[in-house]
Amino acid sequence: MRILLCQIDGSIPNLALMRISAHHKALGDEVEIRHGAAFRQHLWGSPPDRIYASAIFLKSRPTVKLLLEEYPGAIVGGTGWDIAKTLADVGIPDGPLDYSIYPRFRQSIGFTQRGCRLRCKFCVVPEKEGPMRDSLAIYQIWRGDPWPRELLLLDNDFFGQPDWRRKVRYIREGNFKVSFNQGINARFLTDEAAEAIASIDYRADDMKVRRIYTAWDNLKDEQRLFDGLNRLVRYGVKPDHIMVYMLCGYWPGETQADREHRRKALRAFGARPYPMPYARTRELVGFQRWVIGAYDKRFSWAEWEAAGYRPERLGSTSPIIGLNMPATLYSG
């Protein structure tokens, strides 16, 4: 059989597609992967025998619809399309990952725990994965030599699991670089957890710079958030190492003044704010671009708004500063 895998969105390897690939290759099938809307560019002269697609973000639905128009029988899953569908539902058992479909990816990727202890209204994890439970050990995720000791952990709340201390010990003893890709919950950080974070080689998704990801989703969490951020700094994490996702456009009655308050507070602390539009309106996407591009350091919101949220309309003095944007965003 000829199997076409379609990674509709997301820039990091897709675990579901990696499992599907490993399963079909074990059966002797031929497997290809395509990204975004490039699903028409497979190497075969006739349609594939089976097509699997994964969409993480709701904004990718139009691309999925194009895929289904081209291939009505495609099997589509992921939180951006069908939160309930699992690999078991389509006949894919638990098994190994096929890293070969991502030949440039050198890290190892996986979960040490699944689910979440919280039930945030805007988050799909509790519905999709259920309560928190243990998953893989650190050495089960690492693919072993000759691959670098670099882990991309997809845990939703690493320090919320009971066994985090042992896993941190293995990270330290194994000299692993670790990216907590989905972020840590700074609101609940204890001194012990903050000290543990500072003691390991935490990294951005690309492993090139030091980075801790966390989130400020609700204005009401300000005190708890900054208590956690200050704990991190107290134990040696530099404020500039901390990237804070800012959920925008979710809460009823939210104003630009509310978003501006969070942005200014994070800039004053020295952290890196990263707005995450829940609804991708022109204003919210414009706000995201203003902050991520660090235009907010040189131009007021009024100036940015008057320029139609476009940097080329601000003049030649506009800064363009790389901020190591994370690979995943809230769906919406």
Protein backbone atom coordinates (compact mmCIF):
# COMPACT_ATOMS: atom_id res chain seq x y z
CA MET A 1 0.00 0.00 0.00
CA ARG A 2 1.01 3.62 -0.55
CA ILE A 3 0.39 5.76 2.51
CA LEU A 4 0.32 9.56 2.43
CA LEU A 5 0.75 11.43 5.72
CA CYS A 6 -0.31 15.10 5.86
CA GLN A 7 0.93 17.33 8.64
CA ILE A 8 -1.46 20.23 8.15
CA ASP A 9 0.13 22.52 10.73
CA GLY A 10 2.73 22.66 13.49
CA SER A 11 6.46 22.91 13.00
CA ILE A 12 7.61 20.16 15.34
CA PRO A 13 7.32 16.43 14.58
CA ASN A 14 3.81 15.05 14.89
CA LEU A 15 3.77 12.01 17.20
CA ALA A 16 0.57 10.58 15.76
CA LEU A 17 1.95 10.62 12.22
CA MET A 18 5.22 9.12 13.47
CA ARG A 19 3.30 6.21 15.01
CA ILE A 20 1.19 5.75 11.88
CA SER A 21 4.33 5.69 9.73
CA ALA A 22 6.06 3.12 11.95
CA HIS A 23 2.97 0.90 11.88
CA HIS A 24 2.60 0.93 8.10
CA LYS A 25 6.30 0.52 7.40
CA ALA A 26 6.26 -2.56 9.63
CA LEU A 27 3.56 -3.93 7.31
CA GLY A 28 5.79 -3.27 4.30
CA ASP A 29 3.87 -0.24 3.07
CA GLU A 30 5.41 2.76 1.31
CA VAL A 31 5.04 6.02 3.28
CA GLU A 32 5.41 9.68 2.31
CA ILE A 33 4.76 12.82 4.34
CA ARG A 34 3.71 16.25 3.12
CA HIS A 35 3.24 19.49 5.04
CA GLY A 36 0.58 22.18 4.93
CA ALA A 37 -1.36 22.21 1.66
CA ALA A 38 1.32 20.31 -0.29
CA PHE A 39 -0.67 17.06 -0.19
CA ARG A 40 -1.05 17.07 -4.00
CA GLN A 41 2.72 16.82 -4.44
CA HIS A 42 3.20 13.15 -3.62
CA LEU A 43 5.46 11.06 -5.85
CA TRP A 44 2.86 8.62 -7.12
CA GLY A 45 1.07 9.01 -10.43
CA SER A 46 -2.24 7.85 -8.96
CA PRO A 47 -4.00 8.60 -5.66
CA PRO A 48 -2.49 7.04 -2.50
CA ASP A 49 -4.15 3.95 -1.10
CA ARG A 50 -4.70 5.63 2.27
CA ILE A 51 -4.29 9.16 3.59
CA TYR A 52 -3.92 10.28 7.19
CA ALA A 53 -3.93 13.94 8.18
CA SER A 54 -3.43 15.77 11.47
CA ALA A 55 -4.50 19.33 12.27
CA ILE A 56 -3.63 20.92 15.61
CA PHE A 57 -5.17 24.37 15.22
CA LEU A 58 -8.71 25.43 14.40
CA LYS A 59 -7.33 27.97 11.95
CA SER A 60 -6.23 25.03 9.78
CA ARG A 61 -9.77 23.84 9.07
CA PRO A 62 -9.89 25.45 5.59
CA THR A 63 -6.81 23.46 4.59
CA VAL A 64 -8.39 20.25 5.89
CA LYS A 65 -11.51 20.97 3.84
CA LEU A 66 -9.34 21.36 0.73
CA LEU A 67 -7.73 18.02 1.51
CA LEU A 68 -11.12 16.33 1.88
CA GLU A 69 -12.31 17.82 -1.40
CA GLU A 70 -9.29 16.27 -3.10
CA TYR A 71 -9.38 13.02 -1.10
CA PRO A 72 -12.84 12.45 0.45
CA GLY A 73 -11.68 9.25 2.13
CA ALA A 74 -8.79 10.84 4.06
CA ILE A 75 -8.64 10.01 7.77
CA VAL A 76 -8.29 13.29 9.69
CA GLY A 77 -7.64 13.75 13.39
CA GLY A 78 -6.09 16.22 15.80
CA THR A 79 -7.46 18.90 18.09
CA GLY A 80 -8.00 21.25 15.18
CA TRP A 81 -10.42 18.87 13.49
CA ASP A 82 -11.74 16.01 15.64
CA ILE A 83 -10.82 16.05 19.31
CA ALA A 84 -12.45 12.67 19.97
CA LYS A 85 -10.71 10.59 17.30
CA THR A 86 -7.80 8.45 18.49
CA LEU A 87 -5.24 6.33 16.67
CA ALA A 88 -6.86 3.22 18.11
CA ASP A 89 -10.12 4.27 16.44
CA VAL A 90 -8.43 3.99 13.04
CA GLY A 91 -6.60 0.75 13.74
CA ILE A 92 -3.19 2.09 14.80
CA PRO A 93 -1.93 0.34 17.96
CA ASP A 94 0.56 1.68 20.49
CA GLY A 95 4.04 1.28 19.15
CA PRO A 96 7.32 2.91 18.20
CA LEU A 97 7.85 6.27 16.52
CA ASP A 98 9.28 6.62 13.02
CA TYR A 99 11.75 9.51 13.24
CA SER A 100 12.89 8.97 9.65
CA ILE A 101 9.98 11.04 8.27
CA TYR A 102 11.64 14.04 9.94
CA PRO A 103 15.26 13.55 8.83
CA ARG A 104 16.42 16.99 10.00
CA PHE A 105 15.06 16.56 13.52
CA ARG A 106 17.83 15.46 15.87
CA GLN A 107 16.11 15.73 19.24
CA SER A 108 13.97 13.12 20.95
CA ILE A 109 10.31 13.91 21.57
CA GLY A 110 7.57 12.62 23.84
CA PHE A 111 5.51 12.88 27.01
CA THR A 112 6.52 11.96 30.55
CA GLN A 113 2.89 12.49 31.60
CA ARG A 114 -0.47 12.93 29.90
CA GLY A 115 -3.61 14.76 30.93
CA CYS A 116 -3.85 17.68 33.34
CA ARG A 117 -4.79 18.35 36.97
CA LEU A 118 -6.66 21.53 35.96
CA ARG A 119 -9.77 22.20 33.87
CA CYS A 120 -9.20 25.56 32.17
CA LYS A 121 -12.24 26.39 30.07
CA PHE A 122 -10.24 27.38 27.00
CA CYS A 123 -8.02 24.27 27.00
CA VAL A 124 -8.85 20.99 25.21
CA VAL A 125 -6.41 18.83 27.18
CA PRO A 126 -8.79 17.68 29.95
CA GLU A 127 -11.41 16.66 27.39
CA LYS A 128 -8.93 15.02 25.05
CA GLU A 129 -6.60 13.33 27.54
CA GLY A 130 -8.47 13.18 30.84
CA PRO A 131 -6.88 13.28 34.31
CA MET A 132 -3.12 13.42 34.79
CA ARG A 133 -1.32 10.10 34.48
CA ASP A 134 2.23 8.87 34.09
CA SER A 135 3.60 8.19 30.60
CA LEU A 136 7.22 7.56 29.62
CA ALA A 137 10.45 7.73 31.58
CA ILE A 138 13.22 10.10 30.44
CA TYR A 139 15.35 7.27 29.04
CA GLN A 140 12.36 5.83 27.20
CA ILE A 141 11.92 9.12 25.33
CA TRP A 142 15.58 9.57 24.40
CA ARG A 143 16.39 7.56 21.26
CA GLY A 144 19.88 6.77 22.50
CA ASP A 145 23.31 7.16 20.92
CA PRO A 146 24.33 8.61 18.52
CA TRP A 147 21.46 11.08 18.97
CA PRO A 148 22.11 14.15 21.12
CA ARG A 149 20.83 14.25 24.67
CA GLU A 150 18.17 16.79 23.76
CA LEU A 151 14.56 16.24 24.78
CA LEU A 152 11.47 18.01 23.51
CA LEU A 153 8.93 17.29 26.25
CA LEU A 154 5.27 17.80 25.36
CA ASP A 155 3.93 17.48 28.92
CA ASN A 156 1.04 19.81 29.69
CA ASP A 157 2.10 20.27 33.34
CA PHE A 158 5.43 18.59 34.05
CA PHE A 159 5.69 19.86 37.62
CA GLY A 160 2.11 18.90 38.41
CA GLN A 161 2.89 15.18 38.29
CA PRO A 162 3.83 13.41 41.54
CA ASP A 163 7.00 11.88 40.06
CA TRP A 164 8.62 15.07 38.72
CA ARG A 165 11.52 14.97 41.21
CA ARG A 166 12.79 11.61 39.98
CA LYS A 167 12.47 12.70 36.36
CA VAL A 168 14.37 15.92 37.04
CA ARG A 169 17.11 13.84 38.66
CA TYR A 170 17.42 11.71 35.51
CA ILE A 171 17.56 14.87 33.39
CA ARG A 172 20.40 16.26 35.50
CA GLU A 173 22.33 13.02 35.83
CA GLY A 174 21.97 12.30 32.11
CA ASN A 175 23.14 15.81 31.13
CA PHE A 176 20.06 16.32 29.00
CA LYS A 177 19.03 19.60 27.42
CA VAL A 178 15.27 19.90 27.82
CA SER A 179 12.60 22.03 26.21
CA PHE A 180 9.34 22.12 28.18
CA ASN A 181 7.60 22.85 24.91
CA GLN A 182 4.06 23.20 26.26
CA GLY A 183 5.13 25.40 29.15
CA ILE A 184 5.25 25.14 32.91
CA ASN A 185 2.58 26.48 35.23
CA ALA A 186 4.33 29.33 37.02
CA ARG A 187 1.24 30.02 39.15
CA PHE A 188 1.80 26.82 41.10
CA LEU A 189 5.60 26.78 41.30
CA THR A 190 7.04 25.99 44.69
CA ASP A 191 10.54 26.98 45.75
CA GLU A 192 11.57 23.36 45.29
CA ALA A 193 10.27 23.23 41.71
CA ALA A 194 11.77 26.62 40.82
CA GLU A 195 15.15 25.52 42.14
CA ALA A 196 14.87 22.29 40.13
CA ILE A 197 14.13 24.21 36.90
CA ALA A 198 17.12 26.47 37.44
CA SER A 199 19.34 23.42 37.98
CA ILE A 200 18.74 21.85 34.56
CA ASP A 201 19.72 22.90 31.04
CA TYR A 202 16.32 24.22 29.93
CA ARG A 203 16.12 25.22 26.28
CA ALA A 204 13.94 26.66 23.52
CA ASP A 205 12.41 24.30 20.98
CA ASP A 206 15.48 24.54 18.75
CA MET A 207 17.83 23.93 21.70
CA LYS A 208 19.92 26.96 20.71
CA VAL A 209 18.97 29.40 23.49
CA ARG A 210 17.89 29.16 27.11
CA ARG A 211 14.11 29.35 27.40
CA ILE A 212 11.33 28.59 29.84
CA TYR A 213 7.76 28.79 28.55
CA THR A 214 4.82 29.65 30.78
CA ALA A 215 1.47 31.45 30.42
CA TRP A 216 -0.58 34.35 31.74
CA ASP A 217 -4.08 33.52 30.59
CA ASN A 218 -6.18 35.46 33.08
CA LEU A 219 -5.59 38.99 34.37
CA LYS A 220 -6.74 37.79 37.81
CA ASP A 221 -3.70 35.50 38.07
CA GLU A 222 -1.23 38.38 38.16
CA GLN A 223 -0.04 37.97 41.74
CA ARG A 224 0.30 34.18 41.56
CA LEU A 225 2.09 34.39 38.21
CA PHE A 226 4.66 36.90 39.38
CA ASP A 227 5.20 35.01 42.62
CA GLY A 228 6.24 32.07 40.44
CA LEU A 229 8.35 34.17 38.10
CA ASN A 230 10.17 35.73 41.04
CA ARG A 231 10.86 32.28 42.44
CA LEU A 232 12.48 31.28 39.15
CA VAL A 233 14.66 34.40 39.16
CA ARG A 234 15.57 33.91 42.80
CA TYR A 235 17.08 30.52 41.96
CA GLY A 236 19.00 31.72 38.92
CA VAL A 237 16.67 31.83 35.91
CA LYS A 238 17.20 35.10 34.03
CA PRO A 239 13.99 37.05 33.30
CA ASP A 240 14.96 37.21 29.63
CA HIS A 241 14.91 33.41 29.53
CA ILE A 242 11.18 33.37 30.33
CA MET A 243 8.64 33.55 27.51
CA VAL A 244 5.08 34.12 28.69
CA TYR A 245 2.18 33.19 26.44
CA MET A 246 -0.65 35.74 26.80
CA LEU A 247 -4.10 34.38 25.95
CA CYS A 248 -5.98 37.24 24.25
CA GLY A 249 -9.59 37.63 23.15
CA TYR A 250 -11.07 34.83 25.24
CA TRP A 251 -12.54 36.51 28.31
CA PRO A 252 -15.80 38.49 27.84
CA GLY A 253 -15.26 42.22 28.06
CA GLU A 254 -11.48 42.05 27.59
CA THR A 255 -10.10 45.37 26.36
CA GLN A 256 -6.90 46.57 24.79
CA ALA A 257 -6.14 48.20 28.15
CA ASP A 258 -6.25 44.75 29.78
CA ARG A 259 -3.83 43.34 27.23
CA GLU A 260 -1.62 46.40 27.53
CA HIS A 261 -1.44 45.98 31.30
CA ARG A 262 -0.14 42.42 30.97
CA ARG A 263 2.29 43.35 28.20
CA LYS A 264 3.79 46.24 30.17
CA ALA A 265 4.06 44.20 33.36
CA LEU A 266 5.95 41.42 31.58
CA ARG A 267 8.24 43.85 29.75
CA ALA A 268 8.99 45.64 33.04
CA PHE A 269 9.85 42.30 34.65
CA GLY A 270 12.22 41.51 31.78
CA ALA A 271 10.31 38.51 30.44
CA ARG A 272 9.27 38.01 26.82
CA PRO A 273 5.50 38.32 26.28
CA TYR A 274 3.98 36.27 23.49
CA PRO A 275 0.30 37.12 22.73
CA MET A 276 -1.88 34.17 21.72
CA PRO A 277 -5.12 35.23 19.97
CA TYR A 278 -7.99 32.91 20.87
CA ALA A 279 -9.99 34.46 18.05
CA ARG A 280 -7.83 35.54 15.13
CA THR A 281 -9.31 38.99 14.61
CA ARG A 282 -7.35 41.65 12.76
CA GLU A 283 -6.81 43.60 15.99
CA LEU A 284 -5.62 40.61 18.03
CA VAL A 285 -3.32 39.31 15.31
CA GLY A 286 -2.03 42.87 14.98
CA PHE A 287 -1.38 42.98 18.72
CA GLN A 288 0.46 39.67 18.50
CA ARG A 289 2.66 40.94 15.67
CA TRP A 290 3.34 44.21 17.52
CA VAL A 291 4.69 42.38 20.56
CA ILE A 292 6.42 39.39 18.97
CA GLY A 293 8.30 41.65 16.59
CA ALA A 294 9.26 43.89 19.55
CA TYR A 295 7.73 46.89 17.77
CA ASP A 296 6.08 47.67 21.10
CA LYS A 297 9.52 48.69 22.40
CA ARG A 298 9.73 51.55 19.91
CA PHE A 299 6.18 52.44 18.88
CA SER A 300 3.00 53.02 20.84
CA TRP A 301 -0.12 50.99 20.25
CA ALA A 302 -1.76 54.08 18.78
CA GLU A 303 1.06 54.40 16.23
CA TRP A 304 0.92 50.71 15.42
CA GLU A 305 -2.86 50.80 15.04
CA ALA A 306 -2.65 53.89 12.80
CA ALA A 307 -0.16 51.99 10.62
CA GLY A 308 -2.74 49.24 10.09
CA TYR A 309 -0.64 46.84 12.18
CA ARG A 310 1.97 46.79 9.41
CA PRO A 311 5.66 47.42 10.17
CA GLU A 312 6.47 48.68 6.66
CA ARG A 313 4.18 51.65 7.29
CA LEU A 314 6.12 52.75 10.37
CA GLY A 315 9.26 53.88 8.62
CA SER A 316 12.77 52.56 8.25
CA THR A 317 13.53 52.73 11.99
CA SER A 318 11.24 49.80 12.83
CA PRO A 319 13.09 47.11 14.80
CA ILE A 320 12.94 43.50 13.76
CA ILE A 321 14.10 41.37 16.64
CA GLY A 322 14.09 37.56 16.59
CA LEU A 323 12.41 36.19 19.71
CA ASN A 324 12.57 32.41 19.10
CA MET A 325 8.87 31.97 18.63
CA PRO A 326 7.56 28.68 20.07
CA ALA A 327 6.35 26.00 17.75
CA THR A 328 2.89 25.60 19.18
CA LEU A 329 0.07 28.04 19.88
CA TYR A 330 -3.39 27.86 21.31
CA SER A 331 -5.87 26.63 18.77
CA GLY A 332 -8.14 29.35 17.58
